[in-house]
Amino acid sequence: MKILFTKSTLPLSVAIRSVSGEPVSHVALEFPELGIVVQSNLLGIGLEWSSYFREKCTVVYELDDGKSDLATDKAKLTATLDAHENDFYDFTGLIYLGMRTVLNKYLKIPMPKTDVLRISNTYLCTEWVTEYIDGTPETTITPYGLYEQLKATGKWTEIDN
């Protein structure tokens, strides 16, 4: 399994990077053995072919857990997707995280640990990825913040792009 940290020329990506001042606006999980990417985007949680995803996005950072097992990945992925079949994108979370990011960036008001406006069964890209890898969605972290956090653990190997 790989974690892809991306940017694109789409208006939302440009806006997220502009507000956060960070080099990436999105994070997704890639399962190279299956040829798919799983992500939470404006349409909710869904699958996409890796080749198509990589064509439309620029992968800025890529982390690999180094212990991918096809049978385990398929079983966990199937169970997780079944559990989140009707889950939607966290639009209120996007607004809240954007507002808190601006407050942190310009007024140095610390980012809270949780999103007080979070609606259950909705996911930002970071919430989806953190829930998949750790079992708990992290509600107030940007994609780049997640990249830095995972890289600091030493459990993930960075792949040069």
Foldseek 3Di string as FASTA:
>chain_A
DKKFFWAAPDPVRVVQCVLQVDDGFFIWDDDVVVQWIWFQDQAGTDIDGVVVVVVGIPGPWMKDLPDDDVVVCVVLVVVVCVVLVPAGAFPVLVVQLSVQSNCCVPVVDDFDFARPPTDPRHYGRQQVVCCSVPVGGRRRAGSVRVVVVVVVVVSIDIDDD
